[in-house]
C-alpha atoms as a PDB file:
ATOM      1  CA  UNK A   1       0.000   0.000   0.000  1.00  0.00           C
ATOM      2  CA  UNK A   2       1.231   3.518  -0.799  1.00  0.00           C
ATOM      3  CA  UNK A   3       1.846   5.296   2.522  1.00  0.00           C
ATOM      4  CA  UNK A   4       1.760   8.723   0.845  1.00  0.00           C
ATOM      5  CA  UNK A   5      -1.764   8.053  -0.357  1.00  0.00           C
ATOM      6  CA  UNK A   6      -2.748   6.889   3.125  1.00  0.00           C
ATOM      7  CA  UNK A   7      -1.675  10.217   4.625  1.00  0.00           C
ATOM      8  CA  UNK A   8      -4.493  12.106   2.886  1.00  0.00           C
ATOM      9  CA  UNK A   9      -8.033  11.841   4.193  1.00  0.00           C
ATOM     10  CA  UNK A  10      -9.366  13.572   1.043  1.00  0.00           C
ATOM     11  CA  UNK A  11      -8.157  15.181  -2.171  1.00  0.00           C
ATOM     12  CA  UNK A  12     -10.724  17.478  -3.720  1.00  0.00           C
ATOM     13  CA  UNK A  13     -10.771  19.266  -7.075  1.00  0.00           C
ATOM     14  CA  UNK A  14     -10.813  23.066  -6.942  1.00  0.00           C
ATOM     15  CA  UNK A  15     -10.659  25.562  -9.834  1.00  0.00           C
ATOM     16  CA  UNK A  16      -6.974  26.314  -9.138  1.00  0.00           C
ATOM     17  CA  UNK A  17      -5.566  23.084  -7.602  1.00  0.00           C
ATOM     18  CA  UNK A  18      -6.428  19.794  -5.986  1.00  0.00           C
ATOM     19  CA  UNK A  19      -6.933  20.392  -2.268  1.00  0.00           C
ATOM     20  CA  UNK A  20      -5.237  17.738  -0.151  1.00  0.00           C
ATOM     21  CA  UNK A  21      -6.796  17.360   3.299  1.00  0.00           C
ATOM     22  CA  UNK A  22      -5.156  15.845   6.353  1.00  0.00           C
ATOM     23  CA  UNK A  23      -6.980  15.390   9.624  1.00  0.00           C
ATOM     24  CA  UNK A  24      -6.210  13.786  12.952  1.00  0.00           C
ATOM     25  CA  UNK A  25      -9.374  12.624  14.607  1.00  0.00           C
ATOM     26  CA  UNK A  26     -11.786  15.553  14.549  1.00  0.00           C
ATOM     27  CA  UNK A  27      -9.091  18.179  13.904  1.00  0.00           C
ATOM     28  CA  UNK A  28      -7.974  19.709  10.626  1.00  0.00           C
ATOM     29  CA  UNK A  29      -4.166  19.651  10.439  1.00  0.00           C
ATOM     30  CA  UNK A  30      -3.360  20.448   6.811  1.00  0.00           C
ATOM     31  CA  UNK A  31      -4.759  21.703   3.535  1.00  0.00           C
ATOM     32  CA  UNK A  32      -2.275  21.519   0.712  1.00  0.00           C
ATOM     33  CA  UNK A  33      -2.574  22.927  -2.785  1.00  0.00           C
ATOM     34  CA  UNK A  34      -1.617  19.988  -4.989  1.00  0.00           C
ATOM     35  CA  UNK A  35      -1.073  20.417  -8.744  1.00  0.00           C
ATOM     36  CA  UNK A  36      -4.125  20.524 -10.975  1.00  0.00           C
ATOM     37  CA  UNK A  37      -4.656  17.088 -12.422  1.00  0.00           C
ATOM     38  CA  UNK A  38      -3.435  15.297  -9.277  1.00  0.00           C
ATOM     39  CA  UNK A  39      -5.545  12.290  -8.379  1.00  0.00           C
ATOM     40  CA  UNK A  40      -8.564  13.049  -6.234  1.00  0.00           C
ATOM     41  CA  UNK A  41      -9.603  10.969  -3.240  1.00  0.00           C
ATOM     42  CA  UNK A  42     -13.088  10.737  -1.785  1.00  0.00           C
ATOM     43  CA  UNK A  43     -13.227  11.700   1.907  1.00  0.00           C
ATOM     44  CA  UNK A  44     -12.083   8.772   4.016  1.00  0.00           C
ATOM     45  CA  UNK A  45     -13.726   9.837   7.288  1.00  0.00           C
ATOM     46  CA  UNK A  46     -16.888  11.706   8.301  1.00  0.00           C
ATOM     47  CA  UNK A  47     -14.764  14.641   9.469  1.00  0.00           C
ATOM     48  CA  UNK A  48     -12.812  14.881   6.202  1.00  0.00           C
ATOM     49  CA  UNK A  49     -16.178  14.847   4.411  1.00  0.00           C
ATOM     50  CA  UNK A  50     -17.180  17.877   6.502  1.00  0.00           C
ATOM     51  CA  UNK A  51     -13.890  19.624   5.668  1.00  0.00           C
ATOM     52  CA  UNK A  52     -14.592  19.083   1.956  1.00  0.00           C
ATOM     53  CA  UNK A  53     -18.193  20.273   2.366  1.00  0.00           C
ATOM     54  CA  UNK A  54     -16.982  23.508   3.939  1.00  0.00           C
ATOM     55  CA  UNK A  55     -14.256  24.063   1.330  1.00  0.00           C
ATOM     56  CA  UNK A  56     -16.845  23.562  -1.447  1.00  0.00           C
ATOM     57  CA  UNK A  57     -19.135  26.049   0.304  1.00  0.00           C
ATOM     58  CA  UNK A  58     -16.305  28.621   0.389  1.00  0.00           C
ATOM     59  CA  UNK A  59     -15.479  28.010  -3.273  1.00  0.00           C
ATOM     60  CA  UNK A  60     -19.127  28.666  -4.136  1.00  0.00           C
ATOM     61  CA  UNK A  61     -19.638  31.597  -1.726  1.00  0.00           C
ATOM     62  CA  UNK A  62     -16.535  33.509  -0.541  1.00  0.00           C
ATOM     63  CA  UNK A  63     -18.374  34.874   2.509  1.00  0.00           C
ATOM     64  CA  UNK A  64     -18.746  31.348   3.876  1.00  0.00           C
ATOM     65  CA  UNK A  65     -17.367  31.206   7.423  1.00  0.00           C
ATOM     66  CA  UNK A  66     -15.272  28.103   8.146  1.00  0.00           C
ATOM     67  CA  UNK A  67     -16.231  26.339  11.358  1.00  0.00           C
ATOM     68  CA  UNK A  68     -13.641  23.572  11.595  1.00  0.00           C
ATOM     69  CA  UNK A  69     -11.697  22.592  14.701  1.00  0.00           C
ATOM     70  CA  UNK A  70      -7.943  23.044  14.312  1.00  0.00           C
ATOM     71  CA  UNK A  71      -4.937  23.940  16.428  1.00  0.00           C
ATOM     72  CA  UNK A  72      -2.553  26.792  15.719  1.00  0.00           C
ATOM     73  CA  UNK A  73       0.348  24.390  15.259  1.00  0.00           C
ATOM     74  CA  UNK A  74       3.310  26.749  15.240  1.00  0.00           C
ATOM     75  CA  UNK A  75       5.516  28.982  17.335  1.00  0.00           C
ATOM     76  CA  UNK A  76       4.056  31.748  19.472  1.00  0.00           C
ATOM     77  CA  UNK A  77       5.097  34.245  16.799  1.00  0.00           C
ATOM     78  CA  UNK A  78       3.480  32.240  13.970  1.00  0.00           C
ATOM     79  CA  UNK A  79       0.315  31.859  16.036  1.00  0.00           C
ATOM     80  CA  UNK A  80       0.188  35.635  16.559  1.00  0.00           C
ATOM     81  CA  UNK A  81       0.534  36.241  12.823  1.00  0.00           C
ATOM     82  CA  UNK A  82      -2.078  33.612  11.961  1.00  0.00           C
ATOM     83  CA  UNK A  83      -4.586  35.049  14.456  1.00  0.00           C
ATOM     84  CA  UNK A  84      -4.088  38.512  12.937  1.00  0.00           C
ATOM     85  CA  UNK A  85      -4.583  37.042   9.468  1.00  0.00           C
ATOM     86  CA  UNK A  86      -7.792  35.264  10.527  1.00  0.00           C
ATOM     87  CA  UNK A  87      -9.168  38.667  11.565  1.00  0.00           C
ATOM     88  CA  UNK A  88      -8.872  40.090   8.014  1.00  0.00           C
ATOM     89  CA  UNK A  89     -12.409  40.222   6.593  1.00  0.00           C
ATOM     90  CA  UNK A  90     -13.354  38.464   3.362  1.00  0.00           C
ATOM     91  CA  UNK A  91     -12.626  40.720   0.391  1.00  0.00           C
ATOM     92  CA  UNK A  92     -10.115  42.838   2.310  1.00  0.00           C
ATOM     93  CA  UNK A  93      -6.332  42.709   2.351  1.00  0.00           C
ATOM     94  CA  UNK A  94      -3.622  43.914   4.702  1.00  0.00           C
ATOM     95  CA  UNK A  95       0.030  44.320   3.845  1.00  0.00           C
ATOM     96  CA  UNK A  96       2.803  42.378   5.525  1.00  0.00           C
ATOM     97  CA  UNK A  97       3.834  45.727   7.036  1.00  0.00           C
ATOM     98  CA  UNK A  98       0.340  46.366   8.452  1.00  0.00           C
ATOM     99  CA  UNK A  99       0.262  42.917  10.075  1.00  0.00           C
ATOM    100  CA  UNK A 100       3.799  43.481  11.394  1.00  0.00           C
ATOM    101  CA  UNK A 101       2.756  46.765  12.996  1.00  0.00           C
ATOM    102  CA  UNK A 102      -0.293  45.118  14.597  1.00  0.00           C
ATOM    103  CA  UNK A 103       1.855  42.479  16.294  1.00  0.00           C
ATOM    104  CA  UNK A 104       5.035  44.511  16.861  1.00  0.00           C
ATOM    105  CA  UNK A 105       7.259  42.850  14.283  1.00  0.00           C
ATOM    106  CA  UNK A 106       8.707  43.380  10.811  1.00  0.00           C
ATOM    107  CA  UNK A 107       7.239  42.451   7.407  1.00  0.00           C
ATOM    108  CA  UNK A 108       9.712  39.697   6.463  1.00  0.00           C
ATOM    109  CA  UNK A 109       9.046  37.475   9.517  1.00  0.00           C
ATOM    110  CA  UNK A 110       5.312  37.960   8.906  1.00  0.00           C
ATOM    111  CA  UNK A 111       5.806  36.660   5.362  1.00  0.00           C
ATOM    112  CA  UNK A 112       7.801  33.714   6.683  1.00  0.00           C
ATOM    113  CA  UNK A 113       5.010  32.874   9.143  1.00  0.00           C
ATOM    114  CA  UNK A 114       2.433  33.088   6.357  1.00  0.00           C
ATOM    115  CA  UNK A 115       4.576  30.702   4.299  1.00  0.00           C
ATOM    116  CA  UNK A 116       4.495  28.219   7.193  1.00  0.00           C
ATOM    117  CA  UNK A 117       0.675  28.220   7.348  1.00  0.00           C
ATOM    118  CA  UNK A 118      -0.574  24.610   7.090  1.00  0.00           C
ATOM    119  CA  UNK A 119      -4.277  25.370   6.713  1.00  0.00           C
ATOM    120  CA  UNK A 120      -4.708  27.970   3.962  1.00  0.00           C
ATOM    121  CA  UNK A 121      -8.206  29.252   3.259  1.00  0.00           C
ATOM    122  CA  UNK A 122      -9.078  28.608   6.933  1.00  0.00           C
ATOM    123  CA  UNK A 123      -6.148  30.840   7.912  1.00  0.00           C
ATOM    124  CA  UNK A 124      -6.401  33.068   4.816  1.00  0.00           C
ATOM    125  CA  UNK A 125      -2.801  34.187   4.253  1.00  0.00           C
ATOM    126  CA  UNK A 126      -3.772  34.995   0.665  1.00  0.00           C
ATOM    127  CA  UNK A 127      -5.264  38.196   2.155  1.00  0.00           C
ATOM    128  CA  UNK A 128      -1.782  39.433   3.086  1.00  0.00           C
ATOM    129  CA  UNK A 129      -0.134  41.362   0.265  1.00  0.00           C
ATOM    130  CA  UNK A 130       2.973  43.383  -0.374  1.00  0.00           C
ATOM    131  CA  UNK A 131       3.002  47.147   0.164  1.00  0.00           C
ATOM    132  CA  UNK A 132       3.427  47.619  -3.587  1.00  0.00           C
ATOM    133  CA  UNK A 133       1.820  44.576  -5.165  1.00  0.00           C
ATOM    134  CA  UNK A 134       0.473  41.113  -4.579  1.00  0.00           C
ATOM    135  CA  UNK A 135       3.545  39.909  -2.664  1.00  0.00           C
ATOM    136  CA  UNK A 136       4.456  36.253  -2.258  1.00  0.00           C
ATOM    137  CA  UNK A 137       2.455  33.178  -1.390  1.00  0.00           C
ATOM    138  CA  UNK A 138       3.423  29.741  -0.096  1.00  0.00           C
ATOM    139  CA  UNK A 139       7.093  30.799  -0.045  1.00  0.00           C
ATOM    140  CA  UNK A 140       7.005  31.726  -3.750  1.00  0.00           C
ATOM    141  CA  UNK A 141       7.056  35.038  -5.583  1.00  0.00           C
ATOM    142  CA  UNK A 142       5.844  33.748  -8.960  1.00  0.00           C
ATOM    143  CA  UNK A 143       4.310  30.766 -10.702  1.00  0.00           C
ATOM    144  CA  UNK A 144       1.432  28.546  -9.616  1.00  0.00           C
ATOM    145  CA  UNK A 145       1.429  29.816  -6.015  1.00  0.00           C
ATOM    146  CA  UNK A 146       0.829  33.413  -7.129  1.00  0.00           C
ATOM    147  CA  UNK A 147      -1.832  32.233  -9.592  1.00  0.00           C
ATOM    148  CA  UNK A 148      -3.630  30.553  -6.656  1.00  0.00           C
ATOM    149  CA  UNK A 149      -3.329  33.683  -4.500  1.00  0.00           C
ATOM    150  CA  UNK A 150      -4.657  35.829  -7.354  1.00  0.00           C
ATOM    151  CA  UNK A 151      -7.596  33.416  -7.874  1.00  0.00           C
ATOM    152  CA  UNK A 152      -8.505  33.486  -4.165  1.00  0.00           C
ATOM    153  CA  UNK A 153      -8.270  37.281  -3.936  1.00  0.00           C
ATOM    154  CA  UNK A 154     -10.373  37.704  -7.093  1.00  0.00           C
ATOM    155  CA  UNK A 155     -12.894  35.139  -5.765  1.00  0.00           C
ATOM    156  CA  UNK A 156     -13.362  37.256  -2.636  1.00  0.00           C
ATOM    157  CA  UNK A 157     -13.194  40.635  -4.357  1.00  0.00           C
ATOM    158  CA  UNK A 158     -13.490  40.627  -8.173  1.00  0.00           C
ATOM    159  CA  UNK A 159     -11.697  43.986  -8.383  1.00  0.00           C
ATOM    160  CA  UNK A 160      -8.623  42.722  -6.513  1.00  0.00           C
ATOM    161  CA  UNK A 161      -5.279  42.012  -8.135  1.00  0.00           C
END
């Protein structure tokens, strides 16, 4: 049996990627943007089915409010960044600098914390942009990651980026 395949509880098609879902019990631990065309996997547990239901609801209606149990699985600094990011309303953006000022830090470490986010969409780091442009996403400054960020921002606010 392929152990990599066993690590996913679901892999769901989205307009911009295949969303890989990992859960432990009744807790969401990871959403990963897999390449378009990656094999999908029906939800393997009732909880992963609920995760997929909520992601589909968000993809249909950007104002959908995720209600999934998860832990902020990171350092105290990362957790502070992620909590600030979760407070950004749908359709709005803040710059890395604005987040840094809110938590008493600098923009670059904020970007690094966003890049370490394991549950995108639920912790919407796509709403954090550069002071003079879209900025990076998932530790990348171009390519598929930026295309995903642009899709998510446009989904929430058609006039954005």
